[in-house]
Structure formats: structure tokens, C-alpha cells
Amino acid sequence: MDARRLTLKQDDLCELYNDRGRTIAALTIDDGLMPGVAVLATGGWFRPDSQGVDHGGNPNTLTAITPASHLSQATALIHA
């Protein structure tokens, strides 16, 4: 639903951003996700341009290094 509303299609390049940074990644449409949810897989190489926008799709561009828990070892998005 979100992709359709935004007139996006499979494999379009999309910019994901928050107050921590910006990254660009190719879109994969998944009807199994709830509306308003985006998943950015790990494994992208950090490739910033002169403006600091990452063109490698690296999720670390958007997250803090604060752990979500000792069990998951995942990072948590902390709102200041």
C-alpha cells in the first residue's frame, strides 16, 4: 500500500532518512509488512557522498550504537 501511494515500484532507489542520517537503497516490495513499516537489511557498505548521504544502503547510517538488549545485540533507535 505504501509503495503504491508513493508511486514506487520494485527496485526503485529510495532515500531513507531520520535525524541521524540519510541512506539510499533499492526497494523490495513485501505485502507481508504492516503499512508504515520499512526494513533495511544489514550488509550494505557505507558509501557517503560529499553531502554525507550514504549510497550503500547501510542501516548504521540511521541507528545509534545503543544496544536494544544484551540478548539481541541489535541496535535501538533512541529518540532524544
PDB file of N, CA and C in Angstrom:
ATOM      1  N   MET A   1       0.821  -1.195   0.000  1.00  0.00           N
ATOM      2  CA  MET A   1       0.000   0.000   0.000  1.00  0.00           C
ATOM      3  C   MET A   1       0.868   1.263   0.000  1.00  0.00           C
ATOM      4  N   ASP A   2       1.934   1.260   0.813  1.00  0.00           N
ATOM      5  CA  ASP A   2       2.790   2.448   0.894  1.00  0.00           C
ATOM      6  C   ASP A   2       3.476   2.716  -0.439  1.00  0.00           C
ATOM      7  N   ALA A   3       4.010   1.671  -1.067  1.00  0.00           N
ATOM      8  CA  ALA A   3       4.705   1.838  -2.350  1.00  0.00           C
ATOM      9  C   ALA A   3       3.742   2.386  -3.403  1.00  0.00           C
ATOM     10  N   ARG A   4       2.552   1.854  -3.442  1.00  0.00           N
ATOM     11  CA  ARG A   4       1.555   2.319  -4.404  1.00  0.00           C
ATOM     12  C   ARG A   4       1.212   3.795  -4.150  1.00  0.00           C
ATOM     13  N   ARG A   5       0.996   4.147  -2.884  1.00  0.00           N
ATOM     14  CA  ARG A   5       0.655   5.525  -2.521  1.00  0.00           C
ATOM     15  C   ARG A   5       1.774   6.495  -2.902  1.00  0.00           C
ATOM     16  N   LEU A   6       3.016   6.030  -2.799  1.00  0.00           N
ATOM     17  CA  LEU A   6       4.174   6.867  -3.110  1.00  0.00           C
ATOM     18  C   LEU A   6       4.622   6.726  -4.567  1.00  0.00           C
ATOM     19  N   THR A   7       3.852   5.986  -5.349  1.00  0.00           N
ATOM     20  CA  THR A   7       4.155   5.681  -6.762  1.00  0.00           C
ATOM     21  C   THR A   7       5.556   5.103  -6.945  1.00  0.00           C
ATOM     22  N   LEU A   8       5.905   4.167  -6.072  1.00  0.00           N
ATOM     23  CA  LEU A   8       7.183   3.460  -6.155  1.00  0.00           C
ATOM     24  C   LEU A   8       6.950   2.060  -6.698  1.00  0.00           C
ATOM     25  N   LYS A   9       7.975   1.524  -7.357  1.00  0.00           N
ATOM     26  CA  LYS A   9       7.868   0.161  -7.859  1.00  0.00           C
ATOM     27  C   LYS A   9       9.124  -0.625  -7.489  1.00  0.00           C
ATOM     28  N   GLN A  10       9.032  -1.934  -7.632  1.00  0.00           N
ATOM     29  CA  GLN A  10      10.129  -2.853  -7.303  1.00  0.00           C
ATOM     30  C   GLN A  10      11.448  -2.350  -7.886  1.00  0.00           C
ATOM     31  N   ASP A  11      12.494  -2.366  -7.077  1.00  0.00           N
ATOM     32  CA  ASP A  11      13.868  -1.992  -7.441  1.00  0.00           C
ATOM     33  C   ASP A  11      14.104  -0.491  -7.620  1.00  0.00           C
ATOM     34  N   ASP A  12      13.099   0.351  -7.374  1.00  0.00           N
ATOM     35  CA  ASP A  12      13.339   1.798  -7.376  1.00  0.00           C
ATOM     36  C   ASP A  12      14.337   2.136  -6.281  1.00  0.00           C
ATOM     37  N   LEU A  13      15.172   3.130  -6.498  1.00  0.00           N
ATOM     38  CA  LEU A  13      16.053   3.614  -5.451  1.00  0.00           C
ATOM     39  C   LEU A  13      15.260   4.567  -4.566  1.00  0.00           C
ATOM     40  N   CYS A  14      15.362   4.362  -3.265  1.00  0.00           N
ATOM     41  CA  CYS A  14      14.610   5.149  -2.293  1.00  0.00           C
ATOM     42  C   CYS A  14      15.559   5.724  -1.257  1.00  0.00           C
ATOM     43  N   GLU A  15      15.252   6.919  -0.803  1.00  0.00           N
ATOM     44  CA  GLU A  15      16.027   7.535   0.266  1.00  0.00           C
ATOM     45  C   GLU A  15      15.303   7.316   1.586  1.00  0.00           C
ATOM     46  N   LEU A  16      16.007   6.738   2.543  1.00  0.00           N
ATOM     47  CA  LEU A  16      15.500   6.549   3.899  1.00  0.00           C
ATOM     48  C   LEU A  16      16.277   7.514   4.783  1.00  0.00           C
ATOM     49  N   TYR A  17      15.582   8.190   5.676  1.00  0.00           N
ATOM     50  CA  TYR A  17      16.272   9.196   6.480  1.00  0.00           C
ATOM     51  C   TYR A  17      15.592   9.383   7.828  1.00  0.00           C
ATOM     52  N   ASN A  18      16.373   9.900   8.748  1.00  0.00           N
ATOM     53  CA  ASN A  18      15.876  10.346  10.046  1.00  0.00           C
ATOM     54  C   ASN A  18      16.821  11.441  10.523  1.00  0.00           C
ATOM     55  N   ASP A  19      16.727  11.806  11.797  1.00  0.00           N
ATOM     56  CA  ASP A  19      17.578  12.890  12.287  1.00  0.00           C
ATOM     57  C   ASP A  19      19.048  12.493  12.399  1.00  0.00           C
ATOM     58  N   ARG A  20      19.365  11.218  12.245  1.00  0.00           N
ATOM     59  CA  ARG A  20      20.758  10.755  12.333  1.00  0.00           C
ATOM     60  C   ARG A  20      21.466  10.736  10.981  1.00  0.00           C
ATOM     61  N   GLY A  21      20.716  10.557   9.890  1.00  0.00           N
ATOM     62  CA  GLY A  21      21.373  10.488   8.591  1.00  0.00           C
ATOM     63  C   GLY A  21      20.427  10.116   7.472  1.00  0.00           C
ATOM     64  N   ARG A  22      21.038   9.884   6.291  1.00  0.00           N
ATOM     65  CA  ARG A  22      20.290   9.547   5.092  1.00  0.00           C
ATOM     66  C   ARG A  22      21.018   8.418   4.367  1.00  0.00           C
ATOM     67  N   THR A  23      20.243   7.493   3.814  1.00  0.00           N
ATOM     68  CA  THR A  23      20.826   6.419   3.017  1.00  0.00           C
ATOM     69  C   THR A  23      19.907   6.109   1.844  1.00  0.00           C
ATOM     70  N   ILE A  24      20.484   5.561   0.801  1.00  0.00           N
ATOM     71  CA  ILE A  24      19.728   5.209  -0.394  1.00  0.00           C
ATOM     72  C   ILE A  24      19.846   3.702  -0.604  1.00  0.00           C
ATOM     73  N   ALA A  25      18.699   3.072  -0.866  1.00  0.00           N
ATOM     74  CA  ALA A  25      18.669   1.620  -1.059  1.00  0.00           C
ATOM     75  C   ALA A  25      17.609   1.269  -2.103  1.00  0.00           C
ATOM     76  N   ALA A  26      17.776   0.108  -2.725  1.00  0.00           N
ATOM     77  CA  ALA A  26      16.790  -0.370  -3.695  1.00  0.00           C
ATOM     78  C   ALA A  26      15.576  -0.924  -2.960  1.00  0.00           C
ATOM     79  N   LEU A  27      14.407  -0.661  -3.491  1.00  0.00           N
ATOM     80  CA  LEU A  27      13.145  -1.075  -2.876  1.00  0.00           C
ATOM     81  C   LEU A  27      12.784  -2.508  -3.246  1.00  0.00           C
ATOM     82  N   THR A  28      12.403  -3.270  -2.246  1.00  0.00           N
ATOM     83  CA  THR A  28      11.790  -4.583  -2.435  1.00  0.00           C
ATOM     84  C   THR A  28      10.411  -4.498  -1.806  1.00  0.00           C
ATOM     85  N   ILE A  29       9.389  -4.727  -2.596  1.00  0.00           N
ATOM     86  CA  ILE A  29       8.023  -4.638  -2.092  1.00  0.00           C
ATOM     87  C   ILE A  29       7.646  -5.961  -1.441  1.00  0.00           C
ATOM     88  N   ASP A  30       7.135  -5.873  -0.216  1.00  0.00           N
ATOM     89  CA  ASP A  30       6.737  -7.060   0.547  1.00  0.00           C
ATOM     90  C   ASP A  30       5.352  -6.811   1.138  1.00  0.00           C
ATOM     91  N   ASP A  31       4.348  -7.455   0.587  1.00  0.00           N
ATOM     92  CA  ASP A  31       2.978  -7.276   1.069  1.00  0.00           C
ATOM     93  C   ASP A  31       2.769  -7.831   2.471  1.00  0.00           C
ATOM     94  N   GLY A  32       3.755  -8.538   3.014  1.00  0.00           N
ATOM     95  CA  GLY A  32       3.649  -9.091   4.354  1.00  0.00           C
ATOM     96  C   GLY A  32       3.966  -8.086   5.451  1.00  0.00           C
ATOM     97  N   LEU A  33       4.484  -6.913   5.089  1.00  0.00           N
ATOM     98  CA  LEU A  33       4.805  -5.895   6.090  1.00  0.00           C
ATOM     99  C   LEU A  33       3.581  -5.050   6.404  1.00  0.00           C
ATOM    100  N   MET A  34       3.508  -4.597   7.632  1.00  0.00           N
ATOM    101  CA  MET A  34       2.437  -3.685   8.030  1.00  0.00           C
ATOM    102  C   MET A  34       2.636  -2.338   7.335  1.00  0.00           C
ATOM    103  N   PRO A  35       1.570  -1.620   7.042  1.00  0.00           N
ATOM    104  CA  PRO A  35       1.706  -0.274   6.471  1.00  0.00           C
ATOM    105  C   PRO A  35       2.550   0.618   7.387  1.00  0.00           C
ATOM    106  N   GLY A  36       3.399   1.416   6.769  1.00  0.00           N
ATOM    107  CA  GLY A  36       4.252   2.333   7.526  1.00  0.00           C
ATOM    108  C   GLY A  36       5.538   1.722   8.032  1.00  0.00           C
ATOM    109  N   VAL A  37       5.777   0.434   7.725  1.00  0.00           N
ATOM    110  CA  VAL A  37       6.977  -0.253   8.203  1.00  0.00           C
ATOM    111  C   VAL A  37       7.953  -0.432   7.047  1.00  0.00           C
ATOM    112  N   ALA A  38       9.217  -0.140   7.312  1.00  0.00           N
ATOM    113  CA  ALA A  38      10.291  -0.374   6.348  1.00  0.00           C
ATOM    114  C   ALA A  38      11.343  -1.242   7.024  1.00  0.00           C
ATOM    115  N   VAL A  39      11.953  -2.126   6.262  1.00  0.00           N
ATOM    116  CA  VAL A  39      13.027  -2.980   6.758  1.00  0.00           C
ATOM    117  C   VAL A  39      14.254  -2.696   5.911  1.00  0.00           C
ATOM    118  N   LEU A  40      15.356  -2.384   6.561  1.00  0.00           N
ATOM    119  CA  LEU A  40      16.618  -2.149   5.861  1.00  0.00           C
ATOM    120  C   LEU A  40      17.603  -3.195   6.365  1.00  0.00           C
ATOM    121  N   ALA A  41      17.899  -4.154   5.505  1.00  0.00           N
ATOM    122  CA  ALA A  41      18.761  -5.276   5.891  1.00  0.00           C
ATOM    123  C   ALA A  41      20.196  -4.819   6.134  1.00  0.00           C
ATOM    124  N   THR A  42      20.897  -5.553   6.980  1.00  0.00           N
ATOM    125  CA  THR A  42      22.309  -5.267   7.225  1.00  0.00           C
ATOM    126  C   THR A  42      23.140  -5.776   6.062  1.00  0.00           C
ATOM    127  N   GLY A  43      24.369  -5.322   5.991  1.00  0.00           N
ATOM    128  CA  GLY A  43      25.287  -5.804   4.972  1.00  0.00           C
ATOM    129  C   GLY A  43      25.643  -4.776   3.921  1.00  0.00           C
ATOM    130  N   GLY A  44      24.998  -3.598   3.952  1.00  0.00           N
ATOM    131  CA  GLY A  44      25.332  -2.566   2.971  1.00  0.00           C
ATOM    132  C   GLY A  44      26.662  -1.906   3.314  1.00  0.00           C
ATOM    133  N   TRP A  45      27.448  -1.584   2.292  1.00  0.00           N
ATOM    134  CA  TRP A  45      28.710  -0.887   2.505  1.00  0.00           C
ATOM    135  C   TRP A  45      28.453   0.605   2.598  1.00  0.00           C
ATOM    136  N   PHE A  46      29.078   1.253   3.559  1.00  0.00           N
ATOM    137  CA  PHE A  46      28.931   2.692   3.763  1.00  0.00           C
ATOM    138  C   PHE A  46      29.664   3.421   2.645  1.00  0.00           C
ATOM    139  N   ARG A  47      28.919   4.149   1.805  1.00  0.00           N
ATOM    140  CA  ARG A  47      29.496   4.899   0.689  1.00  0.00           C
ATOM    141  C   ARG A  47      28.909   6.322   0.685  1.00  0.00           C
ATOM    142  N   PRO A  48      29.398   7.192   1.572  1.00  0.00           N
ATOM    143  CA  PRO A  48      28.837   8.542   1.643  1.00  0.00           C
ATOM    144  C   PRO A  48      29.311   9.414   0.476  1.00  0.00           C
ATOM    145  N   ASP A  49      28.427  10.317   0.031  1.00  0.00           N
ATOM    146  CA  ASP A  49      28.821  11.299  -0.970  1.00  0.00           C
ATOM    147  C   ASP A  49      29.319  12.550  -0.247  1.00  0.00           C
ATOM    148  N   SER A  50      29.595  13.605  -0.978  1.00  0.00           N
ATOM    149  CA  SER A  50      30.152  14.827  -0.378  1.00  0.00           C
ATOM    150  C   SER A  50      29.167  15.513   0.566  1.00  0.00           C
ATOM    151  N   GLN A  51      27.869  15.179   0.461  1.00  0.00           N
ATOM    152  CA  GLN A  51      26.843  15.732   1.347  1.00  0.00           C
ATOM    153  C   GLN A  51      26.616  14.849   2.575  1.00  0.00           C
ATOM    154  N   GLY A  52      27.295  13.689   2.637  1.00  0.00           N
ATOM    155  CA  GLY A  52      27.127  12.761   3.748  1.00  0.00           C
ATOM    156  C   GLY A  52      26.007  11.756   3.561  1.00  0.00           C
ATOM    157  N   VAL A  53      25.359  11.753   2.377  1.00  0.00           N
ATOM    158  CA  VAL A  53      24.294  10.782   2.097  1.00  0.00           C
ATOM    159  C   VAL A  53      24.937   9.455   1.709  1.00  0.00           C
ATOM    160  N   ASP A  54      24.574   8.395   2.420  1.00  0.00           N
ATOM    161  CA  ASP A  54      25.128   7.070   2.151  1.00  0.00           C
ATOM    162  C   ASP A  54      24.429   6.452   0.939  1.00  0.00           C
ATOM    163  N   HIS A  55      25.207   6.037  -0.051  1.00  0.00           N
ATOM    164  CA  HIS A  55      24.656   5.401  -1.261  1.00  0.00           C
ATOM    165  C   HIS A  55      24.829   3.890  -1.222  1.00  0.00           C
ATOM    166  N   GLY A  56      25.214   3.352  -0.071  1.00  0.00           N
ATOM    167  CA  GLY A  56      25.419   1.913   0.053  1.00  0.00           C
ATOM    168  C   GLY A  56      24.295   1.187   0.771  1.00  0.00           C
ATOM    169  N   GLY A  57      23.280   1.905   1.234  1.00  0.00           N
ATOM    170  CA  GLY A  57      22.170   1.259   1.939  1.00  0.00           C
ATOM    171  C   GLY A  57      22.555   0.710   3.299  1.00  0.00           C
ATOM    172  N   ASN A  58      23.502   1.356   3.974  1.00  0.00           N
ATOM    173  CA  ASN A  58      23.982   0.874   5.263  1.00  0.00           C
ATOM    174  C   ASN A  58      23.050   1.348   6.383  1.00  0.00           C
ATOM    175  N   PRO A  59      22.402   0.413   7.102  1.00  0.00           N
ATOM    176  CA  PRO A  59      21.481   0.814   8.169  1.00  0.00           C
ATOM    177  C   PRO A  59      22.151   1.525   9.332  1.00  0.00           C
ATOM    178  N   ASN A  60      23.453   1.356   9.505  1.00  0.00           N
ATOM    179  CA  ASN A  60      24.155   2.037  10.598  1.00  0.00           C
ATOM    180  C   ASN A  60      24.107   3.544  10.428  1.00  0.00           C
ATOM    181  N   THR A  61      23.829   4.013   9.215  1.00  0.00           N
ATOM    182  CA  THR A  61      23.685   5.439   8.960  1.00  0.00           C
ATOM    183  C   THR A  61      22.517   6.016   9.746  1.00  0.00           C
ATOM    184  N   LEU A  62      21.509   5.190  10.042  1.00  0.00           N
ATOM    185  CA  LEU A  62      20.268   5.651  10.652  1.00  0.00           C
ATOM    186  C   LEU A  62      20.107   5.266  12.114  1.00  0.00           C
ATOM    187  N   THR A  63      21.014   4.467  12.647  1.00  0.00           N
ATOM    188  CA  THR A  63      20.846   3.951  14.002  1.00  0.00           C
ATOM    189  C   THR A  63      21.957   4.414  14.928  1.00  0.00           C
ATOM    190  N   ALA A  64      21.686   4.348  16.206  1.00  0.00           N
ATOM    191  CA  ALA A  64      22.684   4.631  17.227  1.00  0.00           C
ATOM    192  C   ALA A  64      23.393   3.325  17.574  1.00  0.00           C
ATOM    193  N   ILE A  65      24.443   3.403  18.337  1.00  0.00           N
ATOM    194  CA  ILE A  65      25.133   2.184  18.749  1.00  0.00           C
ATOM    195  C   ILE A  65      24.608   1.668  20.087  1.00  0.00           C
ATOM    196  N   THR A  66      23.526   2.264  20.566  1.00  0.00           N
ATOM    197  CA  THR A  66      22.904   1.827  21.805  1.00  0.00           C
ATOM    198  C   THR A  66      22.268   0.458  21.601  1.00  0.00           C
ATOM    199  N   PRO A  67      22.647  -0.554  22.387  1.00  0.00           N
ATOM    200  CA  PRO A  67      22.056  -1.883  22.175  1.00  0.00           C
ATOM    201  C   PRO A  67      20.598  -1.938  22.616  1.00  0.00           C
ATOM    202  N   ALA A  68      19.800  -2.701  21.872  1.00  0.00           N
ATOM    203  CA  ALA A  68      18.392  -2.900  22.231  1.00  0.00           C
ATOM    204  C   ALA A  68      18.289  -3.752  23.491  1.00  0.00           C
ATOM    205  N   SER A  69      19.141  -4.772  23.579  1.00  0.00           N
ATOM    206  CA  SER A  69      19.206  -5.621  24.768  1.00  0.00           C
ATOM    207  C   SER A  69      20.489  -6.437  24.704  1.00  0.00           C
ATOM    208  N   HIS A  70      20.851  -7.055  25.802  1.00  0.00           N
ATOM    209  CA  HIS A  70      22.030  -7.926  25.806  1.00  0.00           C
ATOM    210  C   HIS A  70      21.750  -9.210  25.041  1.00  0.00           C
ATOM    211  N   LEU A  71      20.498  -9.595  24.969  1.00  0.00           N
ATOM    212  CA  LEU A  71      20.124 -10.815  24.253  1.00  0.00           C
ATOM    213  C   LEU A  71      20.226 -10.638  22.747  1.00  0.00           C
ATOM    214  N   SER A  72      19.651  -9.558  22.216  1.00  0.00           N
ATOM    215  CA  SER A  72      19.592  -9.395  20.756  1.00  0.00           C
ATOM    216  C   SER A  72      20.886  -8.866  20.156  1.00  0.00           C
ATOM    217  N   GLN A  73      21.620  -8.058  20.898  1.00  0.00           N
ATOM    218  CA  GLN A  73      22.812  -7.389  20.400  1.00  0.00           C
ATOM    219  C   GLN A  73      22.508  -6.477  19.216  1.00  0.00           C
ATOM    220  N   ALA A  74      21.237  -6.174  18.980  1.00  0.00           N
ATOM    221  CA  ALA A  74      20.832  -5.274  17.914  1.00  0.00           C
ATOM    222  C   ALA A  74      20.870  -3.839  18.410  1.00  0.00           C
ATOM    223  N   THR A  75      20.923  -2.904  17.482  1.00  0.00           N
ATOM    224  CA  THR A  75      20.907  -1.506  17.874  1.00  0.00           C
ATOM    225  C   THR A  75      19.468  -1.037  18.044  1.00  0.00           C
ATOM    226  N   ALA A  76      19.297  -0.029  18.865  1.00  0.00           N
ATOM    227  CA  ALA A  76      17.971   0.506  19.142  1.00  0.00           C
ATOM    228  C   ALA A  76      17.915   1.944  18.620  1.00  0.00           C
ATOM    229  N   LEU A  77      16.802   2.309  18.058  1.00  0.00           N
ATOM    230  CA  LEU A  77      16.585   3.686  17.642  1.00  0.00           C
ATOM    231  C   LEU A  77      16.109   4.451  18.871  1.00  0.00           C
ATOM    232  N   ILE A  78      16.922   5.368  19.335  1.00  0.00           N
ATOM    233  CA  ILE A  78      16.628   6.135  20.533  1.00  0.00           C
ATOM    234  C   ILE A  78      16.186   7.533  20.121  1.00  0.00           C
ATOM    235  N   HIS A  79      15.028   7.959  20.576  1.00  0.00           N
ATOM    236  CA  HIS A  79      14.563   9.316  20.302  1.00  0.00           C
ATOM    237  C   HIS A  79      15.003  10.215  21.440  1.00  0.00           C
ATOM    238  N   ALA A  80      15.644  11.307  21.070  1.00  0.00           N
ATOM    239  CA  ALA A  80      16.138  12.246  22.081  1.00  0.00           C
ATOM    240  C   ALA A  80      15.061  13.216  22.489  1.00  0.00           C
TER     241      ALA A  80
END
